[in-house]
Amino acid sequence: MRCSREAQASLTRERILEAARDYLDHHDIDTLTLRRVAELAGVSAPTVYAHFPTMDDLVAAFFHWLKPRIGLAAALPPLADFATLPARLFPRYEAHGALLRNLMNKPSWDRQRQDDRDARHAPWREAVATAVPGLTPAQQRRGALAVAAFFTPTLWRWLRDTGGLTPAEAELTAQWAMRTLVEGLARDGDGLADPPSSSDPTGGQEP
């Protein structure tokens, strides 16, 4: 009986998240409410509240529910193979384009991305640390962010919507940028070192 209840709860949770997805295919996330999700899922409002007491809880769950569907839950390749990621991920972003555009740059979504930031960035930093072990932690973090920026939904959207590139052009551009950055990171990691203090006229160099 307990397993049956747990299975039913899991199905209800999935139903609620799918209803949220259907709504967000056409509307901004900041217009969504828990009562609206209940109506769309065909369940009572208390049922939704039992699974997601607040909108932030629903957004957090939806964020993690969506990640594998757009390919962002898979393990990263080694740093040298990062440039293969746009070919793997950009078609998924295209397939979920309306949904992603309705999520991005909205306060509730940005809050969740900030809360999830350390967990998302850790594999990027690990890939850089493994491939370029001589870098300081600060250089690893900066290098990882620079390289990884080019396979994110945010960069995909910028290339497509702001840059006006076709899907094939966006993919090609991101691949080229990532290859170039990876090569540069291995060749000149010093460029990511802390800048000299403005109060030090020698720039940190010995006289």
N, C-alpha and C. Protein backbone atom coordinates (compact mmCIF):
# COMPACT_ATOMS: atom_id res chain seq x y z
N MET A 1 0.83 -1.20 0.00
CA MET A 1 0.00 0.00 0.00
C MET A 1 0.87 1.26 0.00
N ARG A 2 1.96 1.20 0.82
CA ARG A 2 2.83 2.36 0.88
C ARG A 2 3.46 2.63 -0.49
N CYS A 3 3.93 1.55 -1.17
CA CYS A 3 4.53 1.73 -2.48
C CYS A 3 3.53 2.32 -3.46
N SER A 4 2.29 1.88 -3.35
CA SER A 4 1.25 2.40 -4.23
C SER A 4 1.04 3.89 -4.00
N ARG A 5 1.03 4.30 -2.73
CA ARG A 5 0.87 5.73 -2.43
C ARG A 5 2.05 6.53 -2.95
N GLU A 6 3.26 6.00 -2.77
CA GLU A 6 4.45 6.70 -3.25
C GLU A 6 4.46 6.80 -4.77
N ALA A 7 4.03 5.72 -5.44
CA ALA A 7 3.96 5.74 -6.90
C ALA A 7 2.93 6.77 -7.36
N GLN A 8 1.81 6.83 -6.67
CA GLN A 8 0.77 7.79 -7.03
C GLN A 8 1.26 9.22 -6.81
N ALA A 9 1.98 9.43 -5.71
CA ALA A 9 2.52 10.77 -5.44
C ALA A 9 3.52 11.17 -6.50
N SER A 10 4.34 10.20 -6.94
CA SER A 10 5.32 10.48 -7.99
C SER A 10 4.63 10.84 -9.30
N LEU A 11 3.58 10.12 -9.63
CA LEU A 11 2.83 10.41 -10.86
C LEU A 11 2.17 11.79 -10.78
N THR A 12 1.64 12.13 -9.60
CA THR A 12 1.01 13.44 -9.43
C THR A 12 2.05 14.56 -9.58
N ARG A 13 3.20 14.35 -8.98
CA ARG A 13 4.27 15.33 -9.08
C ARG A 13 4.67 15.53 -10.54
N GLU A 14 4.82 14.44 -11.28
CA GLU A 14 5.17 14.53 -12.70
C GLU A 14 4.08 15.25 -13.48
N ARG A 15 2.87 14.98 -13.15
CA ARG A 15 1.72 15.63 -13.82
C ARG A 15 1.75 17.14 -13.59
N ILE A 16 2.06 17.54 -12.38
CA ILE A 16 2.14 18.97 -12.06
C ILE A 16 3.27 19.63 -12.84
N LEU A 17 4.44 19.00 -12.88
CA LEU A 17 5.58 19.56 -13.59
C LEU A 17 5.33 19.63 -15.09
N GLU A 18 4.66 18.63 -15.64
CA GLU A 18 4.33 18.66 -17.07
C GLU A 18 3.32 19.77 -17.36
N ALA A 19 2.38 19.99 -16.44
CA ALA A 19 1.43 21.08 -16.62
C ALA A 19 2.16 22.42 -16.59
N ALA A 20 3.13 22.55 -15.70
CA ALA A 20 3.93 23.78 -15.66
C ALA A 20 4.68 23.96 -16.98
N ARG A 21 5.24 22.86 -17.50
CA ARG A 21 5.95 22.93 -18.78
C ARG A 21 5.03 23.39 -19.90
N ASP A 22 3.84 22.83 -19.96
CA ASP A 22 2.89 23.20 -21.01
C ASP A 22 2.55 24.69 -20.94
N TYR A 23 2.38 25.21 -19.73
CA TYR A 23 2.09 26.63 -19.56
C TYR A 23 3.28 27.48 -19.99
N LEU A 24 4.47 27.05 -19.58
CA LEU A 24 5.67 27.85 -19.84
C LEU A 24 6.13 27.78 -21.28
N ASP A 25 5.56 26.88 -22.05
CA ASP A 25 5.82 26.89 -23.49
C ASP A 25 5.23 28.14 -24.14
N HIS A 26 4.30 28.80 -23.45
CA HIS A 26 3.59 29.94 -24.05
C HIS A 26 3.62 31.21 -23.20
N HIS A 27 4.04 31.10 -21.94
CA HIS A 27 3.96 32.25 -21.03
C HIS A 27 5.23 32.35 -20.20
N ASP A 28 5.53 33.58 -19.74
CA ASP A 28 6.67 33.80 -18.85
C ASP A 28 6.46 33.09 -17.52
N ILE A 29 7.56 32.67 -16.92
CA ILE A 29 7.46 31.95 -15.65
C ILE A 29 6.91 32.83 -14.54
N ASP A 30 7.15 34.14 -14.60
CA ASP A 30 6.70 35.02 -13.53
C ASP A 30 5.20 35.28 -13.56
N THR A 31 4.49 34.75 -14.55
CA THR A 31 3.03 34.86 -14.57
C THR A 31 2.37 33.59 -14.04
N LEU A 32 3.17 32.60 -13.71
CA LEU A 32 2.63 31.32 -13.24
C LEU A 32 2.36 31.36 -11.74
N THR A 33 1.26 30.75 -11.33
CA THR A 33 0.92 30.63 -9.90
C THR A 33 0.64 29.16 -9.59
N LEU A 34 0.69 28.82 -8.31
CA LEU A 34 0.41 27.45 -7.91
C LEU A 34 -1.04 27.07 -8.20
N ARG A 35 -1.94 28.00 -8.02
CA ARG A 35 -3.35 27.70 -8.32
C ARG A 35 -3.55 27.47 -9.82
N ARG A 36 -2.84 28.21 -10.64
CA ARG A 36 -2.95 28.02 -12.08
C ARG A 36 -2.40 26.65 -12.48
N VAL A 37 -1.31 26.25 -11.86
CA VAL A 37 -0.75 24.93 -12.13
C VAL A 37 -1.75 23.84 -11.74
N ALA A 38 -2.40 24.03 -10.60
CA ALA A 38 -3.40 23.05 -10.16
C ALA A 38 -4.51 22.90 -11.19
N GLU A 39 -5.00 24.02 -11.71
CA GLU A 39 -6.05 23.97 -12.74
C GLU A 39 -5.57 23.22 -13.97
N LEU A 40 -4.36 23.53 -14.42
CA LEU A 40 -3.83 22.91 -15.63
C LEU A 40 -3.55 21.43 -15.43
N ALA A 41 -3.14 21.04 -14.24
CA ALA A 41 -2.83 19.64 -13.96
C ALA A 41 -4.07 18.83 -13.62
N GLY A 42 -5.19 19.52 -13.38
CA GLY A 42 -6.43 18.82 -13.04
C GLY A 42 -6.40 18.23 -11.64
N VAL A 43 -5.70 18.92 -10.73
CA VAL A 43 -5.66 18.49 -9.33
C VAL A 43 -6.08 19.68 -8.47
N SER A 44 -6.30 19.40 -7.19
CA SER A 44 -6.71 20.48 -6.29
C SER A 44 -5.51 21.34 -5.91
N ALA A 45 -5.80 22.56 -5.53
CA ALA A 45 -4.72 23.45 -5.07
C ALA A 45 -3.99 22.86 -3.87
N PRO A 46 -4.71 22.30 -2.87
CA PRO A 46 -3.97 21.69 -1.75
C PRO A 46 -3.02 20.57 -2.17
N THR A 47 -3.37 19.86 -3.24
CA THR A 47 -2.47 18.81 -3.74
C THR A 47 -1.17 19.42 -4.24
N VAL A 48 -1.28 20.50 -4.99
CA VAL A 48 -0.07 21.18 -5.47
C VAL A 48 0.74 21.71 -4.30
N TYR A 49 0.06 22.33 -3.32
CA TYR A 49 0.77 22.87 -2.16
C TYR A 49 1.47 21.77 -1.37
N ALA A 50 0.90 20.57 -1.35
CA ALA A 50 1.52 19.46 -0.63
C ALA A 50 2.86 19.07 -1.27
N HIS A 51 2.95 19.21 -2.58
CA HIS A 51 4.20 18.88 -3.28
C HIS A 51 5.14 20.07 -3.34
N PHE A 52 4.56 21.26 -3.53
CA PHE A 52 5.36 22.48 -3.71
C PHE A 52 4.73 23.60 -2.88
N PRO A 53 5.17 23.76 -1.64
CA PRO A 53 4.54 24.75 -0.76
C PRO A 53 4.60 26.19 -1.28
N THR A 54 5.64 26.51 -2.05
CA THR A 54 5.79 27.87 -2.57
C THR A 54 6.16 27.81 -4.06
N MET A 55 6.05 28.93 -4.72
CA MET A 55 6.46 29.00 -6.12
C MET A 55 7.95 28.73 -6.27
N ASP A 56 8.74 29.19 -5.30
CA ASP A 56 10.18 28.92 -5.38
C ASP A 56 10.45 27.42 -5.32
N ASP A 57 9.67 26.68 -4.54
CA ASP A 57 9.82 25.23 -4.49
C ASP A 57 9.48 24.61 -5.85
N LEU A 58 8.42 25.11 -6.47
CA LEU A 58 8.04 24.59 -7.78
C LEU A 58 9.11 24.93 -8.82
N VAL A 59 9.61 26.16 -8.80
CA VAL A 59 10.63 26.57 -9.77
C VAL A 59 11.89 25.73 -9.59
N ALA A 60 12.30 25.49 -8.34
CA ALA A 60 13.49 24.68 -8.08
C ALA A 60 13.30 23.26 -8.63
N ALA A 61 12.14 22.68 -8.38
CA ALA A 61 11.86 21.33 -8.88
C ALA A 61 11.81 21.31 -10.40
N PHE A 62 11.21 22.33 -10.97
CA PHE A 62 11.11 22.39 -12.42
C PHE A 62 12.49 22.54 -13.06
N PHE A 63 13.34 23.34 -12.44
CA PHE A 63 14.71 23.53 -12.92
C PHE A 63 15.43 22.18 -13.03
N HIS A 64 15.33 21.37 -11.98
CA HIS A 64 16.01 20.07 -11.98
C HIS A 64 15.30 19.05 -12.87
N TRP A 65 14.00 19.19 -13.02
CA TRP A 65 13.24 18.33 -13.92
C TRP A 65 13.61 18.60 -15.37
N LEU A 66 13.88 19.87 -15.70
CA LEU A 66 14.16 20.25 -17.07
C LEU A 66 15.59 19.91 -17.50
N LYS A 67 16.53 19.96 -16.58
CA LYS A 67 17.95 19.80 -16.94
C LYS A 67 18.24 18.56 -17.78
N PRO A 68 17.78 17.37 -17.40
CA PRO A 68 18.08 16.21 -18.25
C PRO A 68 17.38 16.28 -19.59
N ARG A 69 16.26 16.97 -19.67
CA ARG A 69 15.51 17.05 -20.92
C ARG A 69 16.18 17.95 -21.94
N ILE A 70 17.04 18.87 -21.47
CA ILE A 70 17.80 19.70 -22.42
C ILE A 70 19.28 19.31 -22.42
N GLY A 71 19.58 18.17 -21.81
CA GLY A 71 20.93 17.62 -21.91
C GLY A 71 21.93 18.12 -20.90
N LEU A 72 21.50 18.89 -19.91
CA LEU A 72 22.45 19.50 -18.98
C LEU A 72 22.73 18.67 -17.74
N ALA A 73 22.14 17.48 -17.66
CA ALA A 73 22.41 16.63 -16.50
C ALA A 73 23.48 15.58 -16.81
N ALA A 74 23.88 15.47 -18.07
CA ALA A 74 24.87 14.46 -18.45
C ALA A 74 26.25 14.87 -17.97
N ALA A 75 27.10 13.88 -17.75
CA ALA A 75 28.48 14.16 -17.33
C ALA A 75 29.22 14.92 -18.42
N LEU A 76 30.09 15.83 -18.00
CA LEU A 76 30.88 16.60 -18.95
C LEU A 76 32.00 15.75 -19.54
N PRO A 77 32.38 16.02 -20.78
CA PRO A 77 33.56 15.36 -21.34
C PRO A 77 34.82 16.02 -20.79
N PRO A 78 36.00 15.48 -21.09
CA PRO A 78 37.24 16.18 -20.72
C PRO A 78 37.28 17.55 -21.38
N LEU A 79 38.07 18.44 -20.81
CA LEU A 79 38.14 19.81 -21.30
C LEU A 79 38.46 19.87 -22.79
N ALA A 80 39.35 19.01 -23.26
CA ALA A 80 39.75 19.01 -24.67
C ALA A 80 38.58 18.71 -25.60
N ASP A 81 37.51 18.09 -25.06
CA ASP A 81 36.34 17.75 -25.87
C ASP A 81 35.15 18.66 -25.61
N PHE A 82 35.36 19.74 -24.86
CA PHE A 82 34.25 20.65 -24.56
C PHE A 82 33.60 21.18 -25.84
N ALA A 83 34.40 21.36 -26.89
CA ALA A 83 33.87 21.95 -28.13
C ALA A 83 32.85 21.03 -28.81
N THR A 84 32.71 19.79 -28.33
CA THR A 84 31.67 18.91 -28.88
C THR A 84 30.31 19.20 -28.28
N LEU A 85 30.26 19.97 -27.20
CA LEU A 85 29.01 20.18 -26.48
C LEU A 85 27.95 20.96 -27.27
N PRO A 86 28.30 22.03 -27.99
CA PRO A 86 27.25 22.72 -28.74
C PRO A 86 26.50 21.80 -29.72
N ALA A 87 27.21 20.90 -30.38
CA ALA A 87 26.54 19.99 -31.31
C ALA A 87 25.58 19.06 -30.58
N ARG A 88 25.89 18.76 -29.34
CA ARG A 88 25.03 17.87 -28.56
C ARG A 88 23.86 18.62 -27.93
N LEU A 89 24.12 19.86 -27.49
CA LEU A 89 23.12 20.57 -26.69
C LEU A 89 22.26 21.55 -27.47
N PHE A 90 22.85 22.25 -28.44
CA PHE A 90 22.09 23.29 -29.13
C PHE A 90 20.83 22.76 -29.81
N PRO A 91 20.84 21.58 -30.44
CA PRO A 91 19.58 21.07 -31.00
C PRO A 91 18.50 20.86 -29.94
N ARG A 92 18.89 20.50 -28.73
CA ARG A 92 17.92 20.35 -27.65
C ARG A 92 17.37 21.71 -27.25
N TYR A 93 18.25 22.72 -27.22
CA TYR A 93 17.77 24.06 -26.90
C TYR A 93 16.78 24.53 -27.97
N GLU A 94 17.08 24.23 -29.22
CA GLU A 94 16.17 24.61 -30.30
C GLU A 94 14.81 23.94 -30.10
N ALA A 95 14.83 22.65 -29.72
CA ALA A 95 13.58 21.91 -29.55
C ALA A 95 12.74 22.46 -28.41
N HIS A 96 13.39 23.08 -27.42
CA HIS A 96 12.69 23.66 -26.27
C HIS A 96 12.82 25.19 -26.29
N GLY A 97 12.96 25.76 -27.47
CA GLY A 97 13.27 27.18 -27.58
C GLY A 97 12.26 28.10 -26.93
N ALA A 98 10.97 27.87 -27.20
CA ALA A 98 9.95 28.75 -26.62
C ALA A 98 9.97 28.67 -25.10
N LEU A 99 10.11 27.47 -24.58
CA LEU A 99 10.16 27.28 -23.13
C LEU A 99 11.36 28.01 -22.53
N LEU A 100 12.53 27.81 -23.10
CA LEU A 100 13.73 28.45 -22.56
C LEU A 100 13.63 29.96 -22.61
N ARG A 101 13.10 30.49 -23.69
CA ARG A 101 12.98 31.95 -23.79
C ARG A 101 12.01 32.51 -22.75
N ASN A 102 10.99 31.75 -22.40
CA ASN A 102 10.03 32.20 -21.39
C ASN A 102 10.56 32.06 -19.96
N LEU A 103 11.65 31.32 -19.81
CA LEU A 103 12.25 31.15 -18.48
C LEU A 103 13.38 32.14 -18.22
N MET A 104 14.14 32.47 -19.26
CA MET A 104 15.39 33.20 -19.07
C MET A 104 15.17 34.64 -18.63
N ASN A 105 16.10 35.08 -17.78
CA ASN A 105 16.15 36.47 -17.33
C ASN A 105 14.89 36.90 -16.59
N LYS A 106 14.25 35.95 -15.93
CA LYS A 106 13.11 36.26 -15.08
C LYS A 106 13.54 36.10 -13.63
N PRO A 107 13.07 36.96 -12.72
CA PRO A 107 13.56 36.94 -11.34
C PRO A 107 13.50 35.57 -10.67
N SER A 108 12.38 34.87 -10.80
CA SER A 108 12.27 33.58 -10.11
C SER A 108 13.22 32.55 -10.68
N TRP A 109 13.44 32.58 -11.98
CA TRP A 109 14.37 31.64 -12.60
C TRP A 109 15.82 32.01 -12.26
N ASP A 110 16.11 33.30 -12.27
CA ASP A 110 17.47 33.73 -11.93
C ASP A 110 17.82 33.38 -10.49
N ARG A 111 16.85 33.48 -9.59
CA ARG A 111 17.11 33.11 -8.20
C ARG A 111 17.52 31.64 -8.10
N GLN A 112 16.81 30.80 -8.83
CA GLN A 112 17.13 29.38 -8.79
C GLN A 112 18.50 29.10 -9.38
N ARG A 113 18.84 29.76 -10.47
CA ARG A 113 20.15 29.56 -11.08
C ARG A 113 21.27 30.03 -10.16
N GLN A 114 21.02 31.09 -9.42
CA GLN A 114 22.03 31.55 -8.46
C GLN A 114 22.17 30.56 -7.31
N ASP A 115 21.06 30.02 -6.84
CA ASP A 115 21.11 29.02 -5.76
C ASP A 115 21.84 27.76 -6.21
N ASP A 116 21.73 27.43 -7.49
CA ASP A 116 22.30 26.20 -8.04
C ASP A 116 23.70 26.42 -8.61
N ARG A 117 24.20 27.63 -8.52
CA ARG A 117 25.42 28.02 -9.24
C ARG A 117 26.63 27.17 -8.88
N ASP A 118 26.90 26.99 -7.59
CA ASP A 118 28.10 26.26 -7.20
C ASP A 118 28.06 24.82 -7.70
N ALA A 119 26.91 24.18 -7.59
CA ALA A 119 26.79 22.79 -8.05
C ALA A 119 26.97 22.70 -9.56
N ARG A 120 26.46 23.68 -10.30
CA ARG A 120 26.59 23.66 -11.76
C ARG A 120 28.02 23.91 -12.20
N HIS A 121 28.70 24.81 -11.50
CA HIS A 121 30.04 25.22 -11.92
C HIS A 121 31.12 24.23 -11.50
N ALA A 122 30.87 23.45 -10.46
CA ALA A 122 31.91 22.55 -9.94
C ALA A 122 32.47 21.60 -11.00
N PRO A 123 31.65 20.94 -11.83
CA PRO A 123 32.23 20.05 -12.86
C PRO A 123 33.05 20.81 -13.89
N TRP A 124 32.69 22.06 -14.19
CA TRP A 124 33.47 22.86 -15.13
C TRP A 124 34.86 23.11 -14.56
N ARG A 125 34.89 23.51 -13.28
CA ARG A 125 36.18 23.79 -12.64
C ARG A 125 37.03 22.52 -12.54
N GLU A 126 36.39 21.41 -12.25
CA GLU A 126 37.11 20.14 -12.14
C GLU A 126 37.74 19.76 -13.48
N ALA A 127 37.01 19.97 -14.57
CA ALA A 127 37.54 19.64 -15.90
C ALA A 127 38.77 20.49 -16.21
N VAL A 128 38.73 21.77 -15.85
CA VAL A 128 39.87 22.66 -16.08
C VAL A 128 41.04 22.26 -15.19
N ALA A 129 40.76 21.98 -13.92
CA ALA A 129 41.83 21.62 -12.98
C ALA A 129 42.54 20.34 -13.43
N THR A 130 41.79 19.39 -13.98
CA THR A 130 42.38 18.14 -14.44
C THR A 130 43.24 18.35 -15.67
N ALA A 131 42.76 19.16 -16.59
CA ALA A 131 43.47 19.36 -17.86
C ALA A 131 44.63 20.34 -17.75
N VAL A 132 44.50 21.33 -16.87
CA VAL A 132 45.54 22.36 -16.73
C VAL A 132 45.87 22.49 -15.24
N PRO A 133 46.60 21.53 -14.69
CA PRO A 133 46.80 21.47 -13.24
C PRO A 133 47.63 22.60 -12.65
N GLY A 134 48.35 23.35 -13.47
CA GLY A 134 49.21 24.40 -12.93
C GLY A 134 48.49 25.67 -12.57
N LEU A 135 47.21 25.77 -12.85
CA LEU A 135 46.47 27.00 -12.57
C LEU A 135 46.11 27.11 -11.10
N THR A 136 46.01 28.34 -10.63
CA THR A 136 45.52 28.57 -9.27
C THR A 136 44.02 28.33 -9.25
N PRO A 137 43.41 28.15 -8.06
CA PRO A 137 41.95 28.00 -7.99
C PRO A 137 41.19 29.15 -8.65
N ALA A 138 41.69 30.37 -8.50
CA ALA A 138 41.03 31.52 -9.12
C ALA A 138 41.10 31.43 -10.65
N GLN A 139 42.26 31.04 -11.16
CA GLN A 139 42.40 30.89 -12.61
C GLN A 139 41.52 29.75 -13.14
N GLN A 140 41.44 28.67 -12.39
CA GLN A 140 40.57 27.56 -12.78
C GLN A 140 39.11 28.03 -12.87
N ARG A 141 38.68 28.78 -11.86
CA ARG A 141 37.29 29.24 -11.84
C ARG A 141 37.01 30.18 -13.01
N ARG A 142 37.90 31.14 -13.25
CA ARG A 142 37.69 32.10 -14.33
C ARG A 142 37.75 31.41 -15.69
N GLY A 143 38.72 30.51 -15.85
CA GLY A 143 38.83 29.80 -17.12
C GLY A 143 37.63 28.91 -17.39
N ALA A 144 37.16 28.22 -16.35
CA ALA A 144 36.00 27.35 -16.52
C ALA A 144 34.77 28.14 -16.93
N LEU A 145 34.57 29.30 -16.31
CA LEU A 145 33.41 30.12 -16.65
C LEU A 145 33.50 30.65 -18.07
N ALA A 146 34.70 31.03 -18.49
CA ALA A 146 34.86 31.55 -19.85
C ALA A 146 34.55 30.49 -20.89
N VAL A 147 35.09 29.29 -20.69
CA VAL A 147 34.88 28.22 -21.67
C VAL A 147 33.44 27.73 -21.65
N ALA A 148 32.92 27.49 -20.44
CA ALA A 148 31.60 26.88 -20.33
C ALA A 148 30.47 27.82 -20.75
N ALA A 149 30.74 29.12 -20.75
CA ALA A 149 29.70 30.06 -21.17
C ALA A 149 29.18 29.75 -22.57
N PHE A 150 30.00 29.11 -23.39
CA PHE A 150 29.64 28.93 -24.80
C PHE A 150 28.81 27.69 -25.09
N PHE A 151 28.45 26.92 -24.07
CA PHE A 151 27.50 25.85 -24.35
C PHE A 151 26.20 26.01 -23.54
N THR A 152 26.02 27.16 -22.91
CA THR A 152 24.84 27.38 -22.09
C THR A 152 23.64 27.83 -22.93
N PRO A 153 22.42 27.61 -22.42
CA PRO A 153 21.24 28.14 -23.11
C PRO A 153 21.29 29.66 -23.28
N THR A 154 21.90 30.35 -22.31
CA THR A 154 21.99 31.82 -22.40
C THR A 154 22.78 32.23 -23.63
N LEU A 155 23.93 31.60 -23.86
CA LEU A 155 24.75 31.95 -25.03
C LEU A 155 24.07 31.52 -26.31
N TRP A 156 23.44 30.34 -26.29
CA TRP A 156 22.67 29.89 -27.47
C TRP A 156 21.63 30.94 -27.85
N ARG A 157 20.90 31.42 -26.85
CA ARG A 157 19.86 32.41 -27.15
C ARG A 157 20.47 33.71 -27.68
N TRP A 158 21.59 34.13 -27.11
CA TRP A 158 22.22 35.37 -27.56
C TRP A 158 22.67 35.25 -29.01
N LEU A 159 23.28 34.13 -29.35
CA LEU A 159 23.73 33.94 -30.73
C LEU A 159 22.55 33.90 -31.70
N ARG A 160 21.47 33.25 -31.27
CA ARG A 160 20.31 33.09 -32.16
C ARG A 160 19.48 34.38 -32.24
N ASP A 161 19.13 34.95 -31.10
CA ASP A 161 18.17 36.06 -31.08
C ASP A 161 18.83 37.42 -31.24
N THR A 162 19.93 37.66 -30.53
CA THR A 162 20.61 38.94 -30.63
C THR A 162 21.54 38.96 -31.84
N GLY A 163 22.29 37.87 -32.02
CA GLY A 163 23.22 37.82 -33.15
C GLY A 163 22.57 37.49 -34.47
N GLY A 164 21.37 36.92 -34.45
CA GLY A 164 20.67 36.59 -35.68
C GLY A 164 21.26 35.43 -36.45
N LEU A 165 22.03 34.56 -35.77
CA LEU A 165 22.63 33.43 -36.45
C LEU A 165 21.62 32.31 -36.65
N THR A 166 21.83 31.53 -37.68
CA THR A 166 21.02 30.33 -37.88
C THR A 166 21.44 29.29 -36.84
N PRO A 167 20.64 28.24 -36.64
CA PRO A 167 21.07 27.19 -35.71
C PRO A 167 22.44 26.62 -36.06
N ALA A 168 22.69 26.38 -37.34
CA ALA A 168 23.99 25.82 -37.75
C ALA A 168 25.11 26.81 -37.47
N GLU A 169 24.88 28.11 -37.74
CA GLU A 169 25.90 29.13 -37.48
C GLU A 169 26.18 29.26 -35.99
N ALA A 170 25.13 29.22 -35.17
CA ALA A 170 25.31 29.34 -33.73
C ALA A 170 26.15 28.19 -33.20
N GLU A 171 25.87 27.00 -33.69
CA GLU A 171 26.62 25.82 -33.26
C GLU A 171 28.08 25.93 -33.66
N LEU A 172 28.32 26.32 -34.91
CA LEU A 172 29.68 26.46 -35.42
C LEU A 172 30.46 27.52 -34.64
N THR A 173 29.82 28.65 -34.39
CA THR A 173 30.47 29.75 -33.68
C THR A 173 30.84 29.34 -32.26
N ALA A 174 29.93 28.68 -31.56
CA ALA A 174 30.19 28.25 -30.19
C ALA A 174 31.32 27.22 -30.16
N GLN A 175 31.32 26.31 -31.11
CA GLN A 175 32.39 25.31 -31.17
C GLN A 175 33.76 25.97 -31.37
N TRP A 176 33.81 26.91 -32.31
CA TRP A 176 35.08 27.61 -32.58
C TRP A 176 35.54 28.37 -31.34
N ALA A 177 34.64 29.07 -30.68
CA ALA A 177 35.00 29.85 -29.50
C ALA A 177 35.52 28.94 -28.39
N MET A 178 34.87 27.81 -28.20
CA MET A 178 35.29 26.90 -27.14
C MET A 178 36.65 26.29 -27.43
N ARG A 179 36.88 25.89 -28.68
CA ARG A 179 38.19 25.35 -29.03
C ARG A 179 39.29 26.38 -28.80
N THR A 180 39.01 27.61 -29.22
CA THR A 180 39.99 28.69 -29.08
C THR A 180 40.28 28.98 -27.61
N LEU A 181 39.25 29.01 -26.79
CA LEU A 181 39.44 29.29 -25.36
C LEU A 181 40.18 28.16 -24.66
N VAL A 182 39.84 26.92 -25.00
CA VAL A 182 40.53 25.79 -24.39
C VAL A 182 42.02 25.82 -24.74
N GLU A 183 42.32 26.08 -26.01
CA GLU A 183 43.72 26.17 -26.42
C GLU A 183 44.42 27.32 -25.71
N GLY A 184 43.75 28.46 -25.60
CA GLY A 184 44.34 29.61 -24.94
C GLY A 184 44.55 29.37 -23.45
N LEU A 185 43.64 28.66 -22.83
CA LEU A 185 43.75 28.38 -21.40
C LEU A 185 44.98 27.53 -21.11
N ALA A 186 45.22 26.54 -21.95
CA ALA A 186 46.40 25.68 -21.77
C ALA A 186 47.69 26.44 -22.08
N ARG A 187 47.61 27.38 -23.02
CA ARG A 187 48.82 28.08 -23.49
C ARG A 187 49.17 29.27 -22.60
N ASP A 188 48.15 29.97 -22.10
CA ASP A 188 48.40 31.24 -21.41
C ASP A 188 47.44 31.43 -20.24
N GLY A 189 47.52 30.51 -19.28
CA GLY A 189 46.69 30.65 -18.09
C GLY A 189 47.03 31.86 -17.26
N ASP A 190 48.23 32.42 -17.45
CA ASP A 190 48.63 33.59 -16.69
C ASP A 190 47.72 34.79 -16.97
N GLY A 191 47.09 34.77 -18.12
CA GLY A 191 46.18 35.87 -18.44
C GLY A 191 44.99 35.95 -17.51
N LEU A 192 44.74 34.88 -16.74
CA LEU A 192 43.63 34.85 -15.79
C LEU A 192 44.09 35.06 -14.36
N ALA A 193 45.36 35.43 -14.18
CA ALA A 193 45.88 35.68 -12.83
C ALA A 193 45.26 36.96 -12.27
N ASP A 194 45.35 37.12 -10.98
CA ASP A 194 44.83 38.34 -10.35
C ASP A 194 45.55 39.55 -10.93
N PRO A 195 44.83 40.61 -11.25
CA PRO A 195 45.51 41.83 -11.75
C PRO A 195 46.34 42.45 -10.64
N PRO A 196 47.40 43.17 -11.01
CA PRO A 196 48.21 43.82 -9.98
C PRO A 196 47.40 44.88 -9.24
N SER A 197 47.75 45.08 -8.01
CA SER A 197 47.06 46.08 -7.20
C SER A 197 47.32 47.46 -7.76
N SER A 198 46.28 48.29 -7.79
CA SER A 198 46.44 49.65 -8.32
C SER A 198 47.36 50.49 -7.44
N SER A 199 47.56 50.05 -6.20
CA SER A 199 48.44 50.81 -5.30
C SER A 199 49.90 50.40 -5.44
N ASP A 200 50.16 49.38 -6.30
CA ASP A 200 51.54 48.91 -6.50
C ASP A 200 52.04 49.44 -7.84
N PRO A 201 52.88 50.47 -7.86
CA PRO A 201 53.32 51.06 -9.13
C PRO A 201 54.18 50.14 -9.97
N THR A 202 54.75 49.09 -9.36
CA THR A 202 55.61 48.18 -10.12
C THR A 202 54.80 47.07 -10.77
N GLY A 203 53.47 47.02 -10.47
CA GLY A 203 52.68 45.94 -11.03
C GLY A 203 53.04 44.61 -10.44
N GLY A 204 53.60 44.58 -9.27
CA GLY A 204 53.94 43.33 -8.60
C GLY A 204 55.27 42.76 -9.05
N GLN A 205 56.03 43.50 -9.91
CA GLN A 205 57.31 43.02 -10.40
C GLN A 205 58.44 43.47 -9.48
N GLU A 206 59.45 42.63 -9.41
CA GLU A 206 60.63 43.03 -8.64
C GLU A 206 61.35 44.19 -9.37
N PRO A 207 61.89 45.15 -8.63
CA PRO A 207 62.61 46.27 -9.27
C PRO A 207 63.90 45.81 -9.89
